[in-house]
Amino acid sequence: MSDLQKVPGKQRSASITSLLVILLCLPLLSNARSLDDVQASGVVSVAVYRDFPPYSWEDNGVAKGIDVEIARAIAKSLNVQLQLHWMVPDESLDDDLRNHVWKGHYLARVEDGSMLKFDVADVMLRVPYDREYAFKVDQDGRVINDLVHFFAPYQKESWALTIDNQQVESIENLARFQYDKVGVEIDSLPDFYLSGAFRGMLRNNVVHFTTTQDAMNAMGKGEVAGVMGTKSQVMWGVTQFENPGQYVLADIPFPNLVTPVWEVGMAVKDDHRDLAYAVEDAVTEMVHSGRMADVFKEYGTAYTPSSLFETK
């Protein structure tokens, strides 16, 4: 007779229940798949952000966006079907990587036959590609994202300011927004930057919106004279207006702006680098064939290659 069987019935039942709860709460790290697993299944799961034009969103049930097209190219290169894994951003990128790359979110468990597993993607897109971030450590000196492999920087992104030239005929610097309103996504870098510029002199004219697209929509209604956000987002937003020629990118400096340009790449679970190599081959082909630039153009924005693909 086992030790557990010797325990009285009610206590044994409680012990079994407690054990099951503990097992279900343990981090399950085996859901991420290797290249062989992906190709054997005939499906690759690629994580993209939900409601995030021009990168990834759904329009009447149809997936659209730059990252969606890249995901389709990856699936085609691997000769498998694509399954989009839609992400809702958490409080930080660390949370997103944990929830969608190496562990899974405790609310995202799905049935798999008779067992539960965490639902993570094989590949995650739109990940900042930065060596300092990849190797950052916690207060105990441990690498925070040691279970993640960052790779294939496919784009350089930057911050940009677009203005309504019916409201602002000319602009030489940000001091203009002492008199006119400028829209930003709340709690974004442009929010903090503009609110603190000129010792806070612009703060009262910085208008907060849930998303950059909401800010662009407000500019289209004449509620703000300009919007600061990622260059791809504001350029795409302009294409949605009836009179896009009315809105232009402001060619002005952003003094003391932290990280004005950064590289965007991908991530997989650290022990599945064979999958990363195959995906990077697909991205390289997109860039060299001109397909990457065409995708950006289709969505009304300009493609800036990452340092990996810059012409020497």
C-alpha atoms as a PDB file:
ATOM      1  CA  MET A   1       0.000   0.000   0.000  1.00  0.00           C
ATOM      2  CA  SER A   2       1.343   3.436  -0.953  1.00  0.00           C
ATOM      3  CA  ASP A   3       1.773   6.223   1.571  1.00  0.00           C
ATOM      4  CA  LEU A   4      -1.103   8.111  -0.056  1.00  0.00           C
ATOM      5  CA  GLN A   5      -3.429   5.126   0.253  1.00  0.00           C
ATOM      6  CA  LYS A   6      -2.761   4.970   4.024  1.00  0.00           C
ATOM      7  CA  VAL A   7      -4.189   8.474   4.443  1.00  0.00           C
ATOM      8  CA  PRO A   8      -7.879   8.634   5.556  1.00  0.00           C
ATOM      9  CA  GLY A   9     -10.388   9.119   2.703  1.00  0.00           C
ATOM     10  CA  LYS A  10     -11.232  12.806   3.178  1.00  0.00           C
ATOM     11  CA  GLN A  11      -7.610  13.777   3.685  1.00  0.00           C
ATOM     12  CA  ARG A  12      -6.549  11.689   0.678  1.00  0.00           C
ATOM     13  CA  SER A  13      -9.186  13.392  -1.498  1.00  0.00           C
ATOM     14  CA  ALA A  14      -8.038  16.817  -0.341  1.00  0.00           C
ATOM     15  CA  SER A  15      -4.405  15.890  -0.987  1.00  0.00           C
ATOM     16  CA  ILE A  16      -5.168  14.710  -4.524  1.00  0.00           C
ATOM     17  CA  THR A  17      -7.152  17.879  -5.232  1.00  0.00           C
ATOM     18  CA  SER A  18      -4.299  20.050  -3.952  1.00  0.00           C
ATOM     19  CA  LEU A  19      -1.788  18.120  -6.051  1.00  0.00           C
ATOM     20  CA  LEU A  20      -3.867  18.611  -9.215  1.00  0.00           C
ATOM     21  CA  VAL A  21      -4.157  22.344  -8.550  1.00  0.00           C
ATOM     22  CA  ILE A  22      -0.387  22.608  -8.102  1.00  0.00           C
ATOM     23  CA  LEU A  23       0.284  20.671 -11.312  1.00  0.00           C
ATOM     24  CA  LEU A  24      -2.091  22.857 -13.314  1.00  0.00           C
ATOM     25  CA  CYS A  25      -0.435  25.992 -11.993  1.00  0.00           C
ATOM     26  CA  LEU A  26       3.109  24.882 -12.807  1.00  0.00           C
ATOM     27  CA  PRO A  27       4.712  26.634 -15.805  1.00  0.00           C
ATOM     28  CA  LEU A  28       4.482  24.346 -18.825  1.00  0.00           C
ATOM     29  CA  LEU A  29       7.450  25.077 -21.042  1.00  0.00           C
ATOM     30  CA  SER A  30       7.169  22.334 -23.629  1.00  0.00           C
ATOM     31  CA  ASN A  31       4.535  23.817 -25.902  1.00  0.00           C
ATOM     32  CA  ALA A  32       6.966  25.750 -28.154  1.00  0.00           C
ATOM     33  CA  ARG A  33       7.907  23.607 -31.155  1.00  0.00           C
ATOM     34  CA  SER A  34      10.997  22.855 -33.186  1.00  0.00           C
ATOM     35  CA  LEU A  35      11.260  23.196 -36.975  1.00  0.00           C
ATOM     36  CA  ASP A  36      10.693  19.438 -37.354  1.00  0.00           C
ATOM     37  CA  ASP A  37       7.564  19.624 -35.183  1.00  0.00           C
ATOM     38  CA  VAL A  38       6.196  22.567 -37.178  1.00  0.00           C
ATOM     39  CA  GLN A  39       6.752  20.893 -40.535  1.00  0.00           C
ATOM     40  CA  ALA A  40       5.405  17.566 -39.304  1.00  0.00           C
ATOM     41  CA  SER A  41       2.189  19.263 -38.120  1.00  0.00           C
ATOM     42  CA  GLY A  42       1.786  21.203 -41.387  1.00  0.00           C
ATOM     43  CA  VAL A  43       0.999  24.431 -39.468  1.00  0.00           C
ATOM     44  CA  VAL A  44       3.102  27.304 -38.113  1.00  0.00           C
ATOM     45  CA  SER A  45       1.685  29.616 -35.449  1.00  0.00           C
ATOM     46  CA  VAL A  46       2.860  33.222 -35.772  1.00  0.00           C
ATOM     47  CA  ALA A  47       2.060  35.801 -33.080  1.00  0.00           C
ATOM     48  CA  VAL A  48       0.995  39.282 -34.199  1.00  0.00           C
ATOM     49  CA  TYR A  49      -0.635  42.110 -32.273  1.00  0.00           C
ATOM     50  CA  ARG A  50      -4.400  42.539 -32.528  1.00  0.00           C
ATOM     51  CA  ASP A  51      -5.932  45.844 -33.708  1.00  0.00           C
ATOM     52  CA  PHE A  52      -2.543  47.299 -34.612  1.00  0.00           C
ATOM     53  CA  PRO A  53      -2.677  48.813 -38.133  1.00  0.00           C
ATOM     54  CA  PRO A  54      -0.782  48.939 -40.384  1.00  0.00           C
ATOM     55  CA  TYR A  55       1.032  45.949 -38.916  1.00  0.00           C
ATOM     56  CA  SER A  56      -1.778  43.532 -38.053  1.00  0.00           C
ATOM     57  CA  TRP A  57      -5.559  43.704 -37.672  1.00  0.00           C
ATOM     58  CA  GLU A  58      -8.789  42.171 -38.906  1.00  0.00           C
ATOM     59  CA  ASP A  59     -11.186  43.871 -41.312  1.00  0.00           C
ATOM     60  CA  ASN A  60     -14.563  42.108 -41.416  1.00  0.00           C
ATOM     61  CA  GLY A  61     -12.878  38.879 -40.422  1.00  0.00           C
ATOM     62  CA  VAL A  62     -10.032  39.214 -42.944  1.00  0.00           C
ATOM     63  CA  ALA A  63      -6.506  39.453 -41.520  1.00  0.00           C
ATOM     64  CA  LYS A  64      -4.535  42.389 -42.920  1.00  0.00           C
ATOM     65  CA  GLY A  65      -1.285  44.187 -42.293  1.00  0.00           C
ATOM     66  CA  ILE A  66       2.451  44.235 -42.883  1.00  0.00           C
ATOM     67  CA  ASP A  67       3.197  41.596 -40.256  1.00  0.00           C
ATOM     68  CA  VAL A  68       0.348  39.407 -41.499  1.00  0.00           C
ATOM     69  CA  GLU A  69       1.920  39.407 -44.964  1.00  0.00           C
ATOM     70  CA  ILE A  70       5.304  38.551 -43.467  1.00  0.00           C
ATOM     71  CA  ALA A  71       3.682  35.695 -41.519  1.00  0.00           C
ATOM     72  CA  ARG A  72       2.129  34.396 -44.749  1.00  0.00           C
ATOM     73  CA  ALA A  73       5.521  34.480 -46.451  1.00  0.00           C
ATOM     74  CA  ILE A  74       7.054  32.548 -43.560  1.00  0.00           C
ATOM     75  CA  ALA A  75       4.388  29.834 -43.793  1.00  0.00           C
ATOM     76  CA  LYS A  76       4.834  29.593 -47.556  1.00  0.00           C
ATOM     77  CA  SER A  77       8.605  29.264 -47.205  1.00  0.00           C
ATOM     78  CA  LEU A  78       8.189  26.466 -44.639  1.00  0.00           C
ATOM     79  CA  ASN A  79       5.574  24.820 -46.892  1.00  0.00           C
ATOM     80  CA  VAL A  80       2.982  24.781 -44.111  1.00  0.00           C
ATOM     81  CA  GLN A  81      -0.319  26.506 -43.362  1.00  0.00           C
ATOM     82  CA  LEU A  82      -0.422  29.701 -41.307  1.00  0.00           C
ATOM     83  CA  GLN A  83      -2.227  30.002 -37.997  1.00  0.00           C
ATOM     84  CA  LEU A  84      -2.236  33.577 -36.705  1.00  0.00           C
ATOM     85  CA  HIS A  85      -1.855  33.887 -32.951  1.00  0.00           C
ATOM     86  CA  TRP A  86      -3.464  37.210 -32.037  1.00  0.00           C
ATOM     87  CA  MET A  87      -1.842  39.024 -29.117  1.00  0.00           C
ATOM     88  CA  VAL A  88      -3.250  41.694 -26.819  1.00  0.00           C
ATOM     89  CA  PRO A  89      -0.326  43.648 -25.331  1.00  0.00           C
ATOM     90  CA  ASP A  90       0.296  43.170 -21.624  1.00  0.00           C
ATOM     91  CA  GLU A  91       1.974  45.656 -19.308  1.00  0.00           C
ATOM     92  CA  SER A  92       5.444  45.131 -20.805  1.00  0.00           C
ATOM     93  CA  LEU A  93       7.293  43.382 -23.620  1.00  0.00           C
ATOM     94  CA  ASP A  94       8.686  40.940 -21.040  1.00  0.00           C
ATOM     95  CA  ASP A  95       5.091  39.916 -20.275  1.00  0.00           C
ATOM     96  CA  ASP A  96       4.295  39.503 -23.980  1.00  0.00           C
ATOM     97  CA  LEU A  97       7.328  37.278 -24.508  1.00  0.00           C
ATOM     98  CA  ARG A  98       6.401  35.155 -21.512  1.00  0.00           C
ATOM     99  CA  ASN A  99       2.755  34.878 -22.528  1.00  0.00           C
ATOM    100  CA  HIS A 100       3.272  34.161 -26.216  1.00  0.00           C
ATOM    101  CA  VAL A 101       6.751  32.665 -26.717  1.00  0.00           C
ATOM    102  CA  TRP A 102       8.044  30.513 -23.859  1.00  0.00           C
ATOM    103  CA  LYS A 103       5.389  29.940 -21.194  1.00  0.00           C
ATOM    104  CA  GLY A 104       1.881  30.995 -22.086  1.00  0.00           C
ATOM    105  CA  HIS A 105      -0.763  32.959 -20.218  1.00  0.00           C
ATOM    106  CA  TYR A 106      -2.670  31.196 -17.449  1.00  0.00           C
ATOM    107  CA  LEU A 107      -5.935  32.379 -19.015  1.00  0.00           C
ATOM    108  CA  ALA A 108      -4.974  31.097 -22.479  1.00  0.00           C
ATOM    109  CA  ARG A 109      -4.904  27.368 -21.773  1.00  0.00           C
ATOM    110  CA  VAL A 110      -6.618  25.258 -24.414  1.00  0.00           C
ATOM    111  CA  GLU A 111      -7.860  21.695 -24.578  1.00  0.00           C
ATOM    112  CA  ASP A 112      -5.558  19.211 -26.291  1.00  0.00           C
ATOM    113  CA  GLY A 113      -7.210  15.800 -26.080  1.00  0.00           C
ATOM    114  CA  SER A 114      -7.349  14.886 -22.414  1.00  0.00           C
ATOM    115  CA  MET A 115      -4.831  17.431 -21.126  1.00  0.00           C
ATOM    116  CA  LEU A 116      -4.469  21.174 -20.786  1.00  0.00           C
ATOM    117  CA  LYS A 117      -1.513  23.058 -22.196  1.00  0.00           C
ATOM    118  CA  PHE A 118      -0.548  26.687 -22.520  1.00  0.00           C
ATOM    119  CA  ASP A 119      -1.130  28.262 -25.895  1.00  0.00           C
ATOM    120  CA  VAL A 120       2.081  29.872 -27.196  1.00  0.00           C
ATOM    121  CA  ALA A 121       3.165  30.719 -30.727  1.00  0.00           C
ATOM    122  CA  ASP A 122       6.043  29.217 -32.694  1.00  0.00           C
ATOM    123  CA  VAL A 123       7.254  32.667 -33.794  1.00  0.00           C
ATOM    124  CA  MET A 124       6.494  36.175 -32.508  1.00  0.00           C
ATOM    125  CA  LEU A 125       6.765  39.253 -34.759  1.00  0.00           C
ATOM    126  CA  ARG A 126       7.330  42.961 -34.050  1.00  0.00           C
ATOM    127  CA  VAL A 127       9.858  42.427 -31.291  1.00  0.00           C
ATOM    128  CA  PRO A 128      12.416  45.204 -30.684  1.00  0.00           C
ATOM    129  CA  TYR A 129      15.806  43.845 -31.747  1.00  0.00           C
ATOM    130  CA  ASP A 130      18.222  45.250 -29.204  1.00  0.00           C
ATOM    131  CA  ARG A 131      21.225  43.498 -27.668  1.00  0.00           C
ATOM    132  CA  GLU A 132      21.017  45.492 -24.437  1.00  0.00           C
ATOM    133  CA  TYR A 133      17.367  44.525 -23.986  1.00  0.00           C
ATOM    134  CA  ALA A 134      17.987  40.879 -24.895  1.00  0.00           C
ATOM    135  CA  PHE A 135      20.589  40.519 -22.134  1.00  0.00           C
ATOM    136  CA  LYS A 136      19.088  42.772 -19.468  1.00  0.00           C
ATOM    137  CA  VAL A 137      19.127  41.340 -15.957  1.00  0.00           C
ATOM    138  CA  ASP A 138      16.880  41.530 -12.907  1.00  0.00           C
ATOM    139  CA  GLN A 139      17.921  42.800  -9.466  1.00  0.00           C
ATOM    140  CA  ASP A 140      19.572  39.453  -8.740  1.00  0.00           C
ATOM    141  CA  GLY A 141      21.698  39.556 -11.886  1.00  0.00           C
ATOM    142  CA  ARG A 142      19.718  36.919 -13.786  1.00  0.00           C
ATOM    143  CA  VAL A 143      18.977  37.412 -17.493  1.00  0.00           C
ATOM    144  CA  ILE A 144      15.245  38.128 -17.714  1.00  0.00           C
ATOM    145  CA  ASN A 145      14.649  36.807 -21.222  1.00  0.00           C
ATOM    146  CA  ASP A 146      17.083  33.879 -21.200  1.00  0.00           C
ATOM    147  CA  LEU A 147      14.370  31.582 -22.596  1.00  0.00           C
ATOM    148  CA  VAL A 148      13.932  33.748 -25.711  1.00  0.00           C
ATOM    149  CA  HIS A 149      16.013  33.906 -28.884  1.00  0.00           C
ATOM    150  CA  PHE A 150      15.802  37.247 -30.714  1.00  0.00           C
ATOM    151  CA  PHE A 151      16.601  37.174 -34.429  1.00  0.00           C
ATOM    152  CA  ALA A 152      15.895  38.420 -37.975  1.00  0.00           C
ATOM    153  CA  PRO A 153      15.608  42.202 -37.596  1.00  0.00           C
ATOM    154  CA  TYR A 154      13.509  42.992 -40.651  1.00  0.00           C
ATOM    155  CA  GLN A 155      12.783  46.718 -40.338  1.00  0.00           C
ATOM    156  CA  LYS A 156      13.984  49.985 -38.887  1.00  0.00           C
ATOM    157  CA  GLU A 157      11.175  51.945 -37.255  1.00  0.00           C
ATOM    158  CA  SER A 158      11.230  55.547 -36.063  1.00  0.00           C
ATOM    159  CA  TRP A 159       9.085  58.216 -34.461  1.00  0.00           C
ATOM    160  CA  ALA A 160       7.463  60.797 -36.710  1.00  0.00           C
ATOM    161  CA  LEU A 161       5.190  63.811 -36.483  1.00  0.00           C
ATOM    162  CA  THR A 162       2.456  64.440 -39.027  1.00  0.00           C
ATOM    163  CA  ILE A 163       0.589  67.739 -39.194  1.00  0.00           C
ATOM    164  CA  ASP A 164      -2.604  69.067 -40.724  1.00  0.00           C
ATOM    165  CA  ASN A 165      -1.332  71.810 -43.025  1.00  0.00           C
ATOM    166  CA  GLN A 166      -4.755  73.468 -43.003  1.00  0.00           C
ATOM    167  CA  GLN A 167      -4.229  74.175 -39.301  1.00  0.00           C
ATOM    168  CA  VAL A 168      -0.439  74.549 -39.326  1.00  0.00           C
ATOM    169  CA  GLU A 169       0.917  76.241 -42.430  1.00  0.00           C
ATOM    170  CA  SER A 170       4.534  75.934 -41.347  1.00  0.00           C
ATOM    171  CA  ILE A 171       6.455  74.408 -38.456  1.00  0.00           C
ATOM    172  CA  GLU A 172      10.110  74.839 -37.521  1.00  0.00           C
ATOM    173  CA  ASN A 173      10.193  73.081 -34.163  1.00  0.00           C
ATOM    174  CA  LEU A 174       8.002  71.611 -31.450  1.00  0.00           C
ATOM    175  CA  ALA A 175       7.464  75.001 -29.815  1.00  0.00           C
ATOM    176  CA  ARG A 176       4.552  75.388 -32.252  1.00  0.00           C
ATOM    177  CA  PHE A 177       2.519  73.181 -29.924  1.00  0.00           C
ATOM    178  CA  GLN A 178       2.458  75.862 -27.279  1.00  0.00           C
ATOM    179  CA  TYR A 179      -0.420  77.165 -29.391  1.00  0.00           C
ATOM    180  CA  ASP A 180      -1.804  74.110 -31.234  1.00  0.00           C
ATOM    181  CA  LYS A 181      -2.844  70.703 -29.944  1.00  0.00           C
ATOM    182  CA  VAL A 182      -0.929  67.518 -30.702  1.00  0.00           C
ATOM    183  CA  GLY A 183      -2.275  63.985 -30.278  1.00  0.00           C
ATOM    184  CA  VAL A 184      -0.368  61.017 -28.837  1.00  0.00           C
ATOM    185  CA  GLU A 185      -1.075  57.477 -27.688  1.00  0.00           C
ATOM    186  CA  ILE A 186      -1.308  57.579 -23.911  1.00  0.00           C
ATOM    187  CA  ASP A 187       1.720  56.319 -21.950  1.00  0.00           C
ATOM    188  CA  SER A 188       3.804  56.069 -25.134  1.00  0.00           C
ATOM    189  CA  LEU A 189       7.260  57.564 -25.572  1.00  0.00           C
ATOM    190  CA  PRO A 190       5.824  60.507 -27.608  1.00  0.00           C
ATOM    191  CA  ASP A 191       3.451  61.162 -24.687  1.00  0.00           C
ATOM    192  CA  PHE A 192       6.288  61.413 -22.154  1.00  0.00           C
ATOM    193  CA  TYR A 193       8.551  63.246 -24.572  1.00  0.00           C
ATOM    194  CA  LEU A 194       6.121  65.984 -25.623  1.00  0.00           C
ATOM    195  CA  SER A 195       4.690  66.407 -22.129  1.00  0.00           C
ATOM    196  CA  GLY A 196       8.178  67.108 -20.811  1.00  0.00           C
ATOM    197  CA  ALA A 197       9.529  69.143 -23.734  1.00  0.00           C
ATOM    198  CA  PHE A 198      10.478  72.778 -23.132  1.00  0.00           C
ATOM    199  CA  ARG A 199      10.197  72.200 -19.368  1.00  0.00           C
ATOM    200  CA  GLY A 200       6.590  71.140 -19.681  1.00  0.00           C
ATOM    201  CA  MET A 201       5.446  74.140 -21.712  1.00  0.00           C
ATOM    202  CA  LEU A 202       3.596  71.892 -24.211  1.00  0.00           C
ATOM    203  CA  ARG A 203       1.886  69.711 -21.595  1.00  0.00           C
ATOM    204  CA  ASN A 204      -1.507  71.422 -21.722  1.00  0.00           C
ATOM    205  CA  ASN A 205      -1.719  70.951 -25.497  1.00  0.00           C
ATOM    206  CA  VAL A 206      -0.776  67.251 -25.500  1.00  0.00           C
ATOM    207  CA  VAL A 207      -4.025  65.320 -26.060  1.00  0.00           C
ATOM    208  CA  HIS A 208      -4.115  61.645 -25.066  1.00  0.00           C
ATOM    209  CA  PHE A 209      -5.780  58.862 -27.038  1.00  0.00           C
ATOM    210  CA  THR A 210      -6.066  55.117 -26.545  1.00  0.00           C
ATOM    211  CA  THR A 211      -4.218  54.391 -29.804  1.00  0.00           C
ATOM    212  CA  THR A 212      -2.258  56.308 -32.425  1.00  0.00           C
ATOM    213  CA  GLN A 213      -5.051  55.588 -34.900  1.00  0.00           C
ATOM    214  CA  ASP A 214      -7.556  57.270 -32.566  1.00  0.00           C
ATOM    215  CA  ALA A 215      -5.265  60.307 -32.528  1.00  0.00           C
ATOM    216  CA  MET A 216      -5.106  60.267 -36.337  1.00  0.00           C
ATOM    217  CA  ASN A 217      -8.903  60.089 -36.535  1.00  0.00           C
ATOM    218  CA  ALA A 218      -9.111  63.110 -34.225  1.00  0.00           C
ATOM    219  CA  MET A 219      -6.736  65.036 -36.467  1.00  0.00           C
ATOM    220  CA  GLY A 220      -8.977  64.186 -39.425  1.00  0.00           C
ATOM    221  CA  LYS A 221     -11.834  65.841 -37.535  1.00  0.00           C
ATOM    222  CA  GLY A 222      -9.759  68.939 -36.805  1.00  0.00           C
ATOM    223  CA  GLU A 223      -9.533  68.206 -33.066  1.00  0.00           C
ATOM    224  CA  VAL A 224      -5.719  68.254 -33.043  1.00  0.00           C
ATOM    225  CA  ALA A 225      -3.250  69.876 -35.421  1.00  0.00           C
ATOM    226  CA  GLY A 226      -0.680  67.095 -35.353  1.00  0.00           C
ATOM    227  CA  VAL A 227       0.013  63.533 -34.226  1.00  0.00           C
ATOM    228  CA  MET A 228       3.270  61.961 -33.079  1.00  0.00           C
ATOM    229  CA  GLY A 229       3.656  58.178 -33.358  1.00  0.00           C
ATOM    230  CA  THR A 230       5.616  55.543 -35.223  1.00  0.00           C
ATOM    231  CA  LYS A 231       6.341  56.571 -38.788  1.00  0.00           C
ATOM    232  CA  SER A 232       4.537  53.561 -40.261  1.00  0.00           C
ATOM    233  CA  GLN A 233       1.400  54.228 -38.226  1.00  0.00           C
ATOM    234  CA  VAL A 234       1.095  57.910 -39.051  1.00  0.00           C
ATOM    235  CA  MET A 235       1.880  57.345 -42.738  1.00  0.00           C
ATOM    236  CA  TRP A 236      -0.752  54.615 -42.969  1.00  0.00           C
ATOM    237  CA  GLY A 237      -3.214  56.769 -41.036  1.00  0.00           C
ATOM    238  CA  VAL A 238      -2.861  59.557 -43.587  1.00  0.00           C
ATOM    239  CA  THR A 239      -3.893  57.183 -46.386  1.00  0.00           C
ATOM    240  CA  GLN A 240      -7.253  56.677 -44.644  1.00  0.00           C
ATOM    241  CA  PHE A 241      -8.240  60.347 -45.048  1.00  0.00           C
ATOM    242  CA  GLU A 242     -10.329  61.657 -47.956  1.00  0.00           C
ATOM    243  CA  ASN A 243      -7.724  64.360 -48.590  1.00  0.00           C
ATOM    244  CA  PRO A 244      -4.358  62.757 -47.722  1.00  0.00           C
ATOM    245  CA  GLY A 245      -2.433  65.622 -49.324  1.00  0.00           C
ATOM    246  CA  GLN A 246      -3.626  67.840 -46.475  1.00  0.00           C
ATOM    247  CA  TYR A 247      -1.409  65.954 -44.010  1.00  0.00           C
ATOM    248  CA  VAL A 248       2.387  65.908 -44.173  1.00  0.00           C
ATOM    249  CA  LEU A 249       5.319  64.596 -42.163  1.00  0.00           C
ATOM    250  CA  ALA A 250       7.031  67.443 -40.329  1.00  0.00           C
ATOM    251  CA  ASP A 251      10.736  67.639 -41.122  1.00  0.00           C
ATOM    252  CA  ILE A 252      11.857  68.954 -37.729  1.00  0.00           C
ATOM    253  CA  PRO A 253      14.355  67.740 -35.120  1.00  0.00           C
ATOM    254  CA  PHE A 254      13.365  65.886 -31.946  1.00  0.00           C
ATOM    255  CA  PRO A 255      16.118  67.008 -29.557  1.00  0.00           C
ATOM    256  CA  ASN A 256      16.951  64.643 -26.677  1.00  0.00           C
ATOM    257  CA  LEU A 257      14.457  62.035 -27.860  1.00  0.00           C
ATOM    258  CA  VAL A 258      15.410  58.643 -26.416  1.00  0.00           C
ATOM    259  CA  THR A 259      15.628  55.902 -29.065  1.00  0.00           C
ATOM    260  CA  PRO A 260      14.486  57.888 -32.117  1.00  0.00           C
ATOM    261  CA  VAL A 261      15.159  54.827 -34.349  1.00  0.00           C
ATOM    262  CA  TRP A 262      15.074  51.139 -33.466  1.00  0.00           C
ATOM    263  CA  GLU A 263      15.126  47.771 -35.194  1.00  0.00           C
ATOM    264  CA  VAL A 264      12.171  45.388 -35.267  1.00  0.00           C
ATOM    265  CA  GLY A 265      12.729  41.649 -35.348  1.00  0.00           C
ATOM    266  CA  MET A 266      11.294  38.306 -34.247  1.00  0.00           C
ATOM    267  CA  ALA A 267      11.496  35.863 -31.338  1.00  0.00           C
ATOM    268  CA  VAL A 268      11.258  32.115 -30.742  1.00  0.00           C
ATOM    269  CA  LYS A 269      11.830  29.961 -27.678  1.00  0.00           C
ATOM    270  CA  ASP A 270      15.579  29.770 -27.098  1.00  0.00           C
ATOM    271  CA  ASP A 271      15.997  26.050 -27.762  1.00  0.00           C
ATOM    272  CA  HIS A 272      14.299  26.205 -31.174  1.00  0.00           C
ATOM    273  CA  ARG A 273      16.931  28.104 -33.137  1.00  0.00           C
ATOM    274  CA  ASP A 274      16.585  25.713 -36.072  1.00  0.00           C
ATOM    275  CA  LEU A 275      13.141  27.225 -36.622  1.00  0.00           C
ATOM    276  CA  ALA A 276      14.634  30.728 -36.326  1.00  0.00           C
ATOM    277  CA  TYR A 277      17.213  29.971 -39.042  1.00  0.00           C
ATOM    278  CA  ALA A 278      14.491  28.782 -41.435  1.00  0.00           C
ATOM    279  CA  VAL A 279      12.311  31.820 -40.716  1.00  0.00           C
ATOM    280  CA  GLU A 280      15.262  34.179 -41.204  1.00  0.00           C
ATOM    281  CA  ASP A 281      15.838  32.631 -44.634  1.00  0.00           C
ATOM    282  CA  ALA A 282      12.240  33.486 -45.544  1.00  0.00           C
ATOM    283  CA  VAL A 283      12.676  37.093 -44.387  1.00  0.00           C
ATOM    284  CA  THR A 284      15.966  37.433 -46.259  1.00  0.00           C
ATOM    285  CA  GLU A 285      14.285  36.273 -49.456  1.00  0.00           C
ATOM    286  CA  MET A 286      11.483  38.822 -48.962  1.00  0.00           C
ATOM    287  CA  VAL A 287      13.973  41.664 -48.599  1.00  0.00           C
ATOM    288  CA  HIS A 288      16.277  40.683 -51.467  1.00  0.00           C
ATOM    289  CA  SER A 289      13.395  40.032 -53.867  1.00  0.00           C
ATOM    290  CA  GLY A 290      11.830  43.415 -53.135  1.00  0.00           C
ATOM    291  CA  ARG A 291       8.676  41.828 -51.735  1.00  0.00           C
ATOM    292  CA  MET A 292       9.258  43.402 -48.297  1.00  0.00           C
ATOM    293  CA  ALA A 293       9.354  46.913 -49.726  1.00  0.00           C
ATOM    294  CA  ASP A 294       6.255  46.135 -51.810  1.00  0.00           C
ATOM    295  CA  VAL A 295       4.342  45.037 -48.697  1.00  0.00           C
ATOM    296  CA  PHE A 296       5.120  48.290 -46.907  1.00  0.00           C
ATOM    297  CA  LYS A 297       4.102  50.259 -49.999  1.00  0.00           C
ATOM    298  CA  GLU A 298       0.796  48.374 -50.172  1.00  0.00           C
ATOM    299  CA  TYR A 299       0.020  49.726 -46.714  1.00  0.00           C
ATOM    300  CA  GLY A 300       0.920  53.307 -47.506  1.00  0.00           C
ATOM    301  CA  THR A 301       4.256  53.477 -45.739  1.00  0.00           C
ATOM    302  CA  ALA A 302       7.946  53.328 -46.597  1.00  0.00           C
ATOM    303  CA  TYR A 303      10.248  50.405 -45.860  1.00  0.00           C
ATOM    304  CA  THR A 304      13.534  51.127 -44.103  1.00  0.00           C
ATOM    305  CA  PRO A 305      15.787  48.032 -43.995  1.00  0.00           C
ATOM    306  CA  SER A 306      17.377  46.985 -40.730  1.00  0.00           C
ATOM    307  CA  SER A 307      21.144  47.023 -40.345  1.00  0.00           C
ATOM    308  CA  LEU A 308      21.127  43.332 -41.347  1.00  0.00           C
ATOM    309  CA  PHE A 309      20.066  44.321 -44.865  1.00  0.00           C
ATOM    310  CA  GLU A 310      21.591  47.747 -45.292  1.00  0.00           C
ATOM    311  CA  THR A 311      23.582  48.171 -48.489  1.00  0.00           C
ATOM    312  CA  LYS A 312      27.252  48.597 -47.713  1.00  0.00           C
END
